[in-house]
């Protein structure tokens, strides 16, 4: 099989790959993956709803949501005192499809 000669990696590419690796690291937690699965249903969930479904404490759930929002994966909208989260990054669906197909979850 013939391969075309790859070009030298640029600083911009390294920066983009570093950012991608950081975001993938943030996704690499079972509770965060479950939260993404739930949010990919298209429904908006509150912190308390996600905490209850995932069986984890509300403050821990808030930390998970904050990390994923910082990466641009999620967006939030406040209704009264309640904050609801939804998916902001449409490519998460493709990532989750790969994970679900590989691991049967």
C-alpha atoms as a PDB file:
ATOM      1  CA  UNK A   1       0.000   0.000   0.000  1.00  0.00           C
ATOM      2  CA  UNK A   2       1.459   3.332  -1.033  1.00  0.00           C
ATOM      3  CA  UNK A   3       1.338   6.234   1.410  1.00  0.00           C
ATOM      4  CA  UNK A   4       1.601   9.840   0.400  1.00  0.00           C
ATOM      5  CA  UNK A   5       4.353  11.688   2.170  1.00  0.00           C
ATOM      6  CA  UNK A   6       2.976  13.396   5.267  1.00  0.00           C
ATOM      7  CA  UNK A   7       3.812  17.012   5.854  1.00  0.00           C
ATOM      8  CA  UNK A   8       5.627  18.144   8.966  1.00  0.00           C
ATOM      9  CA  UNK A   9       3.371  18.798  11.950  1.00  0.00           C
ATOM     10  CA  UNK A  10       2.818  22.494  12.593  1.00  0.00           C
ATOM     11  CA  UNK A  11       2.549  24.260  15.936  1.00  0.00           C
ATOM     12  CA  UNK A  12      -1.084  24.993  15.101  1.00  0.00           C
ATOM     13  CA  UNK A  13      -1.775  21.278  14.563  1.00  0.00           C
ATOM     14  CA  UNK A  14      -0.064  20.377  17.839  1.00  0.00           C
ATOM     15  CA  UNK A  15      -2.127  23.012  19.640  1.00  0.00           C
ATOM     16  CA  UNK A  16      -5.359  21.647  18.122  1.00  0.00           C
ATOM     17  CA  UNK A  17      -4.394  18.052  18.975  1.00  0.00           C
ATOM     18  CA  UNK A  18      -3.523  19.085  22.533  1.00  0.00           C
ATOM     19  CA  UNK A  19      -6.943  20.687  22.904  1.00  0.00           C
ATOM     20  CA  UNK A  20      -8.608  17.593  21.427  1.00  0.00           C
ATOM     21  CA  UNK A  21      -6.719  15.319  23.828  1.00  0.00           C
ATOM     22  CA  UNK A  22      -7.799  17.431  26.798  1.00  0.00           C
ATOM     23  CA  UNK A  23     -11.452  17.291  25.751  1.00  0.00           C
ATOM     24  CA  UNK A  24     -11.240  13.526  25.183  1.00  0.00           C
ATOM     25  CA  UNK A  25      -9.663  13.168  28.627  1.00  0.00           C
ATOM     26  CA  UNK A  26     -12.617  15.045  30.106  1.00  0.00           C
ATOM     27  CA  UNK A  27     -15.047  12.715  28.303  1.00  0.00           C
ATOM     28  CA  UNK A  28     -13.106   9.709  29.594  1.00  0.00           C
ATOM     29  CA  UNK A  29     -15.149   9.188  32.760  1.00  0.00           C
ATOM     30  CA  UNK A  30     -18.093   6.768  33.055  1.00  0.00           C
ATOM     31  CA  UNK A  31     -20.432   9.298  34.686  1.00  0.00           C
ATOM     32  CA  UNK A  32     -19.643  11.934  32.073  1.00  0.00           C
ATOM     33  CA  UNK A  33     -20.279   9.456  29.269  1.00  0.00           C
ATOM     34  CA  UNK A  34     -23.616   8.539  30.869  1.00  0.00           C
ATOM     35  CA  UNK A  35     -24.547  12.223  31.142  1.00  0.00           C
ATOM     36  CA  UNK A  36     -23.730  12.696  27.446  1.00  0.00           C
ATOM     37  CA  UNK A  37     -25.837   9.629  26.615  1.00  0.00           C
ATOM     38  CA  UNK A  38     -28.795  11.088  28.480  1.00  0.00           C
ATOM     39  CA  UNK A  39     -28.435  14.542  26.951  1.00  0.00           C
ATOM     40  CA  UNK A  40     -28.147  13.122  23.437  1.00  0.00           C
ATOM     41  CA  UNK A  41     -31.796  12.072  23.779  1.00  0.00           C
ATOM     42  CA  UNK A  42     -32.538  15.716  23.016  1.00  0.00           C
ATOM     43  CA  UNK A  43     -34.073  16.396  26.410  1.00  0.00           C
ATOM     44  CA  UNK A  44     -32.752  19.057  28.761  1.00  0.00           C
ATOM     45  CA  UNK A  45     -31.866  17.844  32.250  1.00  0.00           C
ATOM     46  CA  UNK A  46     -31.228  19.677  35.497  1.00  0.00           C
ATOM     47  CA  UNK A  47     -28.262  18.898  37.734  1.00  0.00           C
ATOM     48  CA  UNK A  48     -30.562  17.215  40.241  1.00  0.00           C
ATOM     49  CA  UNK A  49     -32.201  15.047  37.578  1.00  0.00           C
ATOM     50  CA  UNK A  50     -28.833  13.940  36.215  1.00  0.00           C
ATOM     51  CA  UNK A  51     -27.490  13.269  39.719  1.00  0.00           C
ATOM     52  CA  UNK A  52     -30.492  11.090  40.548  1.00  0.00           C
ATOM     53  CA  UNK A  53     -30.392   9.101  37.293  1.00  0.00           C
ATOM     54  CA  UNK A  54     -26.617   8.589  37.510  1.00  0.00           C
ATOM     55  CA  UNK A  55     -26.702   7.785  41.226  1.00  0.00           C
ATOM     56  CA  UNK A  56     -24.108  10.375  42.187  1.00  0.00           C
ATOM     57  CA  UNK A  57     -24.131  13.387  44.491  1.00  0.00           C
ATOM     58  CA  UNK A  58     -25.364  16.711  43.130  1.00  0.00           C
ATOM     59  CA  UNK A  59     -22.047  18.554  43.776  1.00  0.00           C
ATOM     60  CA  UNK A  60     -20.141  15.830  41.884  1.00  0.00           C
ATOM     61  CA  UNK A  61     -22.624  16.055  39.018  1.00  0.00           C
ATOM     62  CA  UNK A  62     -22.155  19.834  38.939  1.00  0.00           C
ATOM     63  CA  UNK A  63     -18.381  19.350  38.658  1.00  0.00           C
ATOM     64  CA  UNK A  64     -18.811  16.930  35.751  1.00  0.00           C
ATOM     65  CA  UNK A  65     -21.154  19.350  33.971  1.00  0.00           C
ATOM     66  CA  UNK A  66     -18.823  22.300  34.539  1.00  0.00           C
ATOM     67  CA  UNK A  67     -15.865  20.426  32.995  1.00  0.00           C
ATOM     68  CA  UNK A  68     -17.872  19.354  29.951  1.00  0.00           C
ATOM     69  CA  UNK A  69     -19.310  22.838  29.507  1.00  0.00           C
ATOM     70  CA  UNK A  70     -15.811  24.346  29.682  1.00  0.00           C
ATOM     71  CA  UNK A  71     -14.815  22.073  26.786  1.00  0.00           C
ATOM     72  CA  UNK A  72     -17.782  23.314  24.751  1.00  0.00           C
ATOM     73  CA  UNK A  73     -19.666  20.005  24.888  1.00  0.00           C
ATOM     74  CA  UNK A  74     -22.668  21.350  26.793  1.00  0.00           C
ATOM     75  CA  UNK A  75     -24.719  24.492  27.082  1.00  0.00           C
ATOM     76  CA  UNK A  76     -26.965  25.582  29.912  1.00  0.00           C
ATOM     77  CA  UNK A  77     -30.106  27.624  30.233  1.00  0.00           C
ATOM     78  CA  UNK A  78     -31.548  28.935  33.462  1.00  0.00           C
ATOM     79  CA  UNK A  79     -35.290  28.726  34.130  1.00  0.00           C
ATOM     80  CA  UNK A  80     -36.044  30.358  37.461  1.00  0.00           C
ATOM     81  CA  UNK A  81     -33.669  28.772  39.947  1.00  0.00           C
ATOM     82  CA  UNK A  82     -33.071  25.663  37.876  1.00  0.00           C
ATOM     83  CA  UNK A  83     -30.322  25.295  35.284  1.00  0.00           C
ATOM     84  CA  UNK A  84     -30.968  22.862  32.425  1.00  0.00           C
ATOM     85  CA  UNK A  85     -28.203  21.323  30.326  1.00  0.00           C
ATOM     86  CA  UNK A  86     -28.248  20.279  26.682  1.00  0.00           C
ATOM     87  CA  UNK A  87     -25.690  19.177  24.100  1.00  0.00           C
ATOM     88  CA  UNK A  88     -23.789  22.017  22.414  1.00  0.00           C
ATOM     89  CA  UNK A  89     -21.366  19.900  20.356  1.00  0.00           C
ATOM     90  CA  UNK A  90     -23.191  17.830  17.701  1.00  0.00           C
ATOM     91  CA  UNK A  91     -20.116  15.637  17.093  1.00  0.00           C
ATOM     92  CA  UNK A  92     -20.681  14.016  20.503  1.00  0.00           C
ATOM     93  CA  UNK A  93     -23.335  11.862  18.836  1.00  0.00           C
ATOM     94  CA  UNK A  94     -20.725  10.302  16.530  1.00  0.00           C
ATOM     95  CA  UNK A  95     -18.327   9.708  19.421  1.00  0.00           C
ATOM     96  CA  UNK A  96     -21.077   8.071  21.495  1.00  0.00           C
ATOM     97  CA  UNK A  97     -22.177   5.950  18.522  1.00  0.00           C
ATOM     98  CA  UNK A  98     -18.632   4.547  18.314  1.00  0.00           C
ATOM     99  CA  UNK A  99     -18.494   3.908  22.074  1.00  0.00           C
ATOM    100  CA  UNK A 100     -21.932   2.273  22.147  1.00  0.00           C
ATOM    101  CA  UNK A 101     -21.124   0.070  19.129  1.00  0.00           C
ATOM    102  CA  UNK A 102     -17.768  -1.024  20.554  1.00  0.00           C
ATOM    103  CA  UNK A 103     -18.834  -1.561  24.170  1.00  0.00           C
ATOM    104  CA  UNK A 104     -22.530  -2.357  23.805  1.00  0.00           C
ATOM    105  CA  UNK A 105     -23.789   0.308  26.188  1.00  0.00           C
END
